[in-house]
Amino acid sequence: MESKFDANLWEDEIEVGRRLFIHNFGMTGSEFTGWQLVKTTVMPHEQGVEEKIYLWEPKKDPESRKVRISVIESAYWRHAQQHLAMHLEHCMNSDMPRGKGKSGGIGDIQFLGQVPKTTSVSQVFFTRGNLRISVQSVGRKPVDVMIIAKKLDDRLVKPPSASEKRKGVVAAKRPVRLKVKEREMTAVLDKLPAPRPSAGMTRVILDDGELRREGDVLFCVSEIAGLKKAEIFNYKLE
C-alpha cells in the first residue's frame, strides 16, 4: 500500500533545517515554567540512533495532566524527515493535518492532532534539523501542548539569551569559517563530543549549505562554492 506521508514531498519546504545540527540533545527539567520532569527513558532504534522520551507533569494537578516528549536524533535532516514520515504512518490518527498560521511556524515540517470538538492541540509532530520530535498530551485531562512545542522549538533555533550566557548555561565558540567547494564535504567539527549528558548539547548552524554527520565528524556540503560560516553553541545538560 502506498504511503500517505512522503518525506520527499517536503524537501522544498526545508530551509533552516538543512543548516541546523543538534548533537547530544537533552533536557534537564528546567525548560518549561510550571512543569517538572518526572521520567526520562532511552530506547534504541537502528544502529547509532536512539529515541529519548521525557515525561513531564505540571506542578499543579500532576495526577491528571501529563505531557510526553519524544526526540530522535539522526545524522542528517533528510533522515529526520524519514523518521517523521514513518511515525505518522503508524499513528492512530491518519488524517492529522499540517500546521497553519502560528502553528505552521513550529519546526521545519509539522502535523497536529486536536482534542475533539475543541481548538486545543493535544499532539504536535515535527522535525527541526536532524531531530524528529513529538509532543503529546497523555494524561486523563488534555493539555494544549502548543506552548510547550513552541518553546522547545525556539530553544533549537533562537540565539541564546543574554541571561543564558551570563549564567553559563550556554557558551558560544568562535565561529568556524570554511572554504567550501561545490558539492564537496568539508569538515566543520572533526570530532563531536561523546553522546552522554556530561558532554552537553551542541548546536551548529550554517549561514548557507547543509550539515550532516558521518561517524564522529560533522560535515558541511553546499551547492554553491565559497566561504561559509558555522556558529557553534555548547549547552550544559547537568
Protein backbone atom coordinates (compact mmCIF):
# COMPACT_ATOMS: atom_id res chain seq x y z
CA MET A 1 0.00 0.00 0.00
CA GLU A 2 1.29 3.43 -0.92
CA SER A 3 2.25 5.64 1.98
CA LYS A 4 0.20 8.76 2.63
CA PHE A 5 3.26 10.54 4.02
CA ASP A 6 6.13 11.07 1.59
CA ALA A 7 9.19 12.83 3.05
CA ASN A 8 10.44 13.60 -0.48
CA LEU A 9 7.49 15.94 -1.00
CA TRP A 10 8.53 18.07 1.98
CA GLU A 11 12.11 18.75 0.90
CA ASP A 12 11.45 22.06 -0.85
CA GLU A 13 9.96 23.42 2.40
CA ILE A 14 13.12 22.77 4.43
CA GLU A 15 15.28 25.87 4.81
CA VAL A 16 16.53 26.31 8.39
CA GLY A 17 16.60 22.55 8.97
CA ARG A 18 19.20 21.97 6.27
CA ARG A 19 21.61 24.33 8.05
CA LEU A 20 20.95 23.16 11.63
CA PHE A 21 22.50 20.25 13.51
CA ILE A 22 21.83 19.26 17.12
CA HIS A 23 24.15 16.82 18.86
CA ASN A 24 23.51 15.09 22.20
CA PHE A 25 20.06 16.62 22.70
CA GLY A 26 18.88 16.59 26.28
CA MET A 27 16.55 18.25 28.78
CA THR A 28 17.32 18.87 32.43
CA GLY A 29 13.89 19.69 33.89
CA SER A 30 14.10 23.48 33.88
CA GLU A 31 12.89 24.06 30.32
CA PHE A 32 9.18 24.73 30.96
CA THR A 33 7.92 27.06 33.69
CA GLY A 34 5.37 25.39 35.94
CA TRP A 35 6.30 21.88 34.81
CA GLN A 36 8.54 19.19 36.29
CA LEU A 37 10.42 16.39 34.54
CA VAL A 38 9.49 13.11 36.24
CA LYS A 39 10.96 10.42 33.99
CA THR A 40 13.49 10.01 31.18
CA THR A 41 13.78 6.85 29.06
CA VAL A 42 16.15 5.98 26.20
CA MET A 43 15.06 3.50 23.53
CA PRO A 44 17.49 2.18 20.88
CA HIS A 45 16.44 2.20 17.22
CA GLU A 46 18.71 1.36 14.30
CA GLN A 47 22.45 1.33 14.93
CA GLY A 48 23.65 4.66 16.31
CA VAL A 49 20.13 6.11 16.71
CA GLU A 50 18.26 6.47 19.99
CA GLU A 51 14.88 7.83 20.99
CA LYS A 52 14.84 9.90 24.17
CA ILE A 53 11.46 10.05 25.91
CA TYR A 54 10.65 12.62 28.60
CA LEU A 55 7.55 12.56 30.79
CA TRP A 56 6.50 15.92 32.24
CA GLU A 57 3.87 16.85 34.82
CA PRO A 58 2.57 20.28 35.84
CA LYS A 59 3.42 21.28 39.37
CA LYS A 60 -0.30 21.89 39.84
CA ASP A 61 -2.63 18.94 39.14
CA PRO A 62 0.18 16.47 38.28
CA GLU A 63 -2.03 13.38 38.63
CA SER A 64 -4.34 14.16 35.72
CA ARG A 65 -2.20 16.17 33.29
CA LYS A 66 0.93 14.78 31.67
CA VAL A 67 2.99 15.55 28.55
CA ARG A 68 5.24 13.08 26.75
CA ILE A 69 8.10 14.46 24.62
CA SER A 70 9.93 12.10 22.29
CA VAL A 71 13.11 13.05 20.38
CA ILE A 72 15.02 11.01 17.80
CA GLU A 73 18.42 12.45 16.92
CA SER A 74 19.60 11.39 13.47
CA ALA A 75 22.69 12.13 11.40
CA TYR A 76 21.05 14.23 8.70
CA TRP A 77 17.99 16.40 8.17
CA ARG A 78 16.69 14.03 5.47
CA HIS A 79 16.80 11.18 7.97
CA ALA A 80 14.70 13.22 10.40
CA GLN A 81 12.07 13.68 7.67
CA GLN A 82 12.03 9.93 7.08
CA HIS A 83 11.58 9.25 10.80
CA LEU A 84 8.66 11.69 10.84
CA ALA A 85 7.01 10.03 7.84
CA MET A 86 7.36 6.57 9.43
CA HIS A 87 5.99 7.83 12.74
CA LEU A 88 2.96 9.42 11.08
CA GLU A 89 2.32 6.30 9.01
CA HIS A 90 1.90 4.28 12.22
CA CYS A 91 -0.04 6.99 14.07
CA MET A 92 -3.61 6.17 15.09
CA ASN A 93 -4.84 9.43 13.55
CA SER A 94 -4.01 9.03 9.85
CA ASP A 95 -5.82 12.27 8.95
CA MET A 96 -3.59 14.50 11.05
CA PRO A 97 -3.33 17.93 9.33
CA ARG A 98 -0.35 20.18 8.76
CA GLY A 99 0.09 23.22 10.97
CA LYS A 100 -1.17 26.60 9.73
CA GLY A 101 -0.60 30.17 10.85
CA LYS A 102 1.33 30.31 14.12
CA SER A 103 1.38 26.52 14.43
CA GLY A 104 2.89 26.32 10.94
CA GLY A 105 5.97 28.09 12.27
CA ILE A 106 6.90 25.23 14.59
CA GLY A 107 9.68 23.08 13.18
CA ASP A 108 10.59 22.51 9.55
CA ILE A 109 7.59 20.24 8.92
CA GLN A 110 4.75 19.80 11.42
CA PHE A 111 1.50 17.85 11.89
CA LEU A 112 -1.08 18.50 14.61
CA GLY A 113 -3.68 16.45 16.46
CA GLN A 114 -6.58 18.29 18.08
CA VAL A 115 -8.81 17.44 21.01
CA PRO A 116 -12.25 16.51 19.55
CA LYS A 117 -14.76 19.37 19.39
CA THR A 118 -12.17 21.94 20.58
CA THR A 119 -9.36 24.05 19.15
CA SER A 120 -6.92 22.63 21.71
CA VAL A 121 -3.88 20.86 20.20
CA SER A 122 -3.05 17.64 22.04
CA GLN A 123 -0.28 16.39 19.72
CA VAL A 124 2.44 18.05 17.68
CA PHE A 125 4.79 16.00 15.49
CA PHE A 126 7.60 17.90 13.79
CA THR A 127 11.19 17.95 12.65
CA ARG A 128 13.84 20.55 13.25
CA GLY A 129 17.18 19.97 11.61
CA ASN A 130 18.29 16.42 12.31
CA LEU A 131 15.72 15.90 15.08
CA ARG A 132 12.30 14.23 14.88
CA ILE A 133 10.17 15.45 17.80
CA SER A 134 6.75 14.64 19.18
CA VAL A 135 4.93 16.47 21.98
CA GLN A 136 1.80 14.69 23.22
CA SER A 137 -0.77 15.14 25.96
CA VAL A 138 -1.05 11.71 27.62
CA GLY A 139 -2.86 12.37 30.90
CA ARG A 140 -6.51 11.96 31.88
CA LYS A 141 -7.17 15.65 31.25
CA PRO A 142 -6.00 17.02 27.87
CA VAL A 143 -3.23 19.60 27.72
CA ASP A 144 -2.84 22.10 24.88
CA VAL A 145 0.78 21.35 24.02
CA MET A 146 1.36 24.20 21.56
CA ILE A 147 3.17 26.43 24.07
CA ILE A 148 5.49 23.59 25.09
CA ALA A 149 6.21 22.62 21.47
CA LYS A 150 6.92 26.25 20.53
CA LYS A 151 9.25 26.79 23.48
CA LEU A 152 11.12 23.58 22.67
CA ASP A 153 11.50 24.59 19.02
CA ASP A 154 12.67 28.09 19.98
CA ARG A 155 15.43 26.53 22.08
CA LEU A 156 16.70 24.79 18.95
CA VAL A 157 16.71 27.76 16.58
CA LYS A 158 16.83 31.03 18.51
CA PRO A 159 20.15 32.60 19.58
CA PRO A 160 20.94 32.10 23.28
CA SER A 161 19.72 34.89 25.53
CA ALA A 162 21.98 37.25 27.43
CA SER A 163 20.72 35.62 30.64
CA GLU A 164 21.75 32.14 29.45
CA LYS A 165 25.21 33.38 28.58
CA ARG A 166 25.55 35.25 31.88
CA LYS A 167 24.52 32.19 33.90
CA GLY A 168 26.89 29.94 31.98
CA VAL A 169 24.07 27.79 30.60
CA VAL A 170 25.45 28.18 27.09
CA ALA A 171 28.86 29.05 25.68
CA ALA A 172 29.36 30.35 22.15
CA LYS A 173 32.52 29.15 20.44
CA ARG A 174 34.38 31.26 17.93
CA PRO A 175 32.56 30.86 14.56
CA VAL A 176 34.16 28.40 12.17
CA ARG A 177 34.85 29.80 8.70
CA LEU A 178 35.02 27.30 5.88
CA LYS A 179 36.17 27.45 2.29
CA VAL A 180 33.77 25.05 0.59
CA LYS A 181 33.94 23.59 -2.90
CA GLU A 182 30.77 22.87 -4.81
CA ARG A 183 29.10 19.67 -3.56
CA GLU A 184 32.23 18.57 -1.68
CA MET A 185 32.04 17.69 2.01
CA THR A 186 34.08 19.93 4.31
CA ALA A 187 34.59 19.14 8.00
CA VAL A 188 33.03 21.63 10.44
CA LEU A 189 33.87 19.63 13.58
CA ASP A 190 36.49 16.87 13.37
CA LYS A 191 35.18 15.08 16.46
CA LEU A 192 31.80 15.52 18.06
CA PRO A 193 31.64 15.05 21.85
CA ALA A 194 30.69 11.62 23.20
CA PRO A 195 26.88 11.23 23.44
CA ARG A 196 26.49 11.45 27.21
CA PRO A 197 24.77 14.07 29.41
CA SER A 198 28.04 15.38 30.83
CA ALA A 199 29.20 16.24 27.31
CA GLY A 200 26.43 18.82 26.98
CA MET A 201 24.32 19.63 23.93
CA THR A 202 25.97 21.10 20.85
CA ARG A 203 24.06 23.24 18.35
CA VAL A 204 25.60 24.13 15.00
CA ILE A 205 24.03 26.42 12.41
CA LEU A 206 25.40 27.36 8.99
CA ASP A 207 24.77 30.55 7.09
CA ASP A 208 24.49 28.51 3.86
CA GLY A 209 24.57 24.87 2.79
CA GLU A 210 23.60 21.83 4.84
CA LEU A 211 25.02 19.79 7.70
CA ARG A 212 25.37 16.03 8.03
CA ARG A 213 27.19 13.70 10.36
CA GLU A 214 29.32 10.74 9.34
CA GLY A 215 30.81 8.86 12.27
CA ASP A 216 32.16 11.42 14.74
CA VAL A 217 32.68 14.11 12.09
CA LEU A 218 30.21 16.87 11.21
CA PHE A 219 30.39 17.99 7.60
CA CYS A 220 29.13 20.92 5.56
CA VAL A 221 28.15 20.50 1.91
CA SER A 222 26.80 23.17 -0.41
CA GLU A 223 25.59 23.51 -3.98
CA ILE A 224 27.43 26.84 -4.12
CA ALA A 225 31.18 27.10 -3.56
CA GLY A 226 32.60 29.86 -1.38
CA LEU A 227 33.15 30.92 2.22
CA LYS A 228 30.66 29.64 4.79
CA LYS A 229 30.30 30.41 8.48
CA ALA A 230 29.25 27.91 11.16
CA GLU A 231 28.14 29.16 14.59
CA ILE A 232 28.61 26.65 17.41
CA PHE A 233 26.91 26.77 20.83
CA ASN A 234 27.53 24.37 23.72
CA TYR A 235 24.73 23.98 26.26
CA LYS A 236 25.13 22.49 29.73
CA LEU A 237 22.94 19.48 30.45
CA GLU A 238 23.97 18.97 34.08
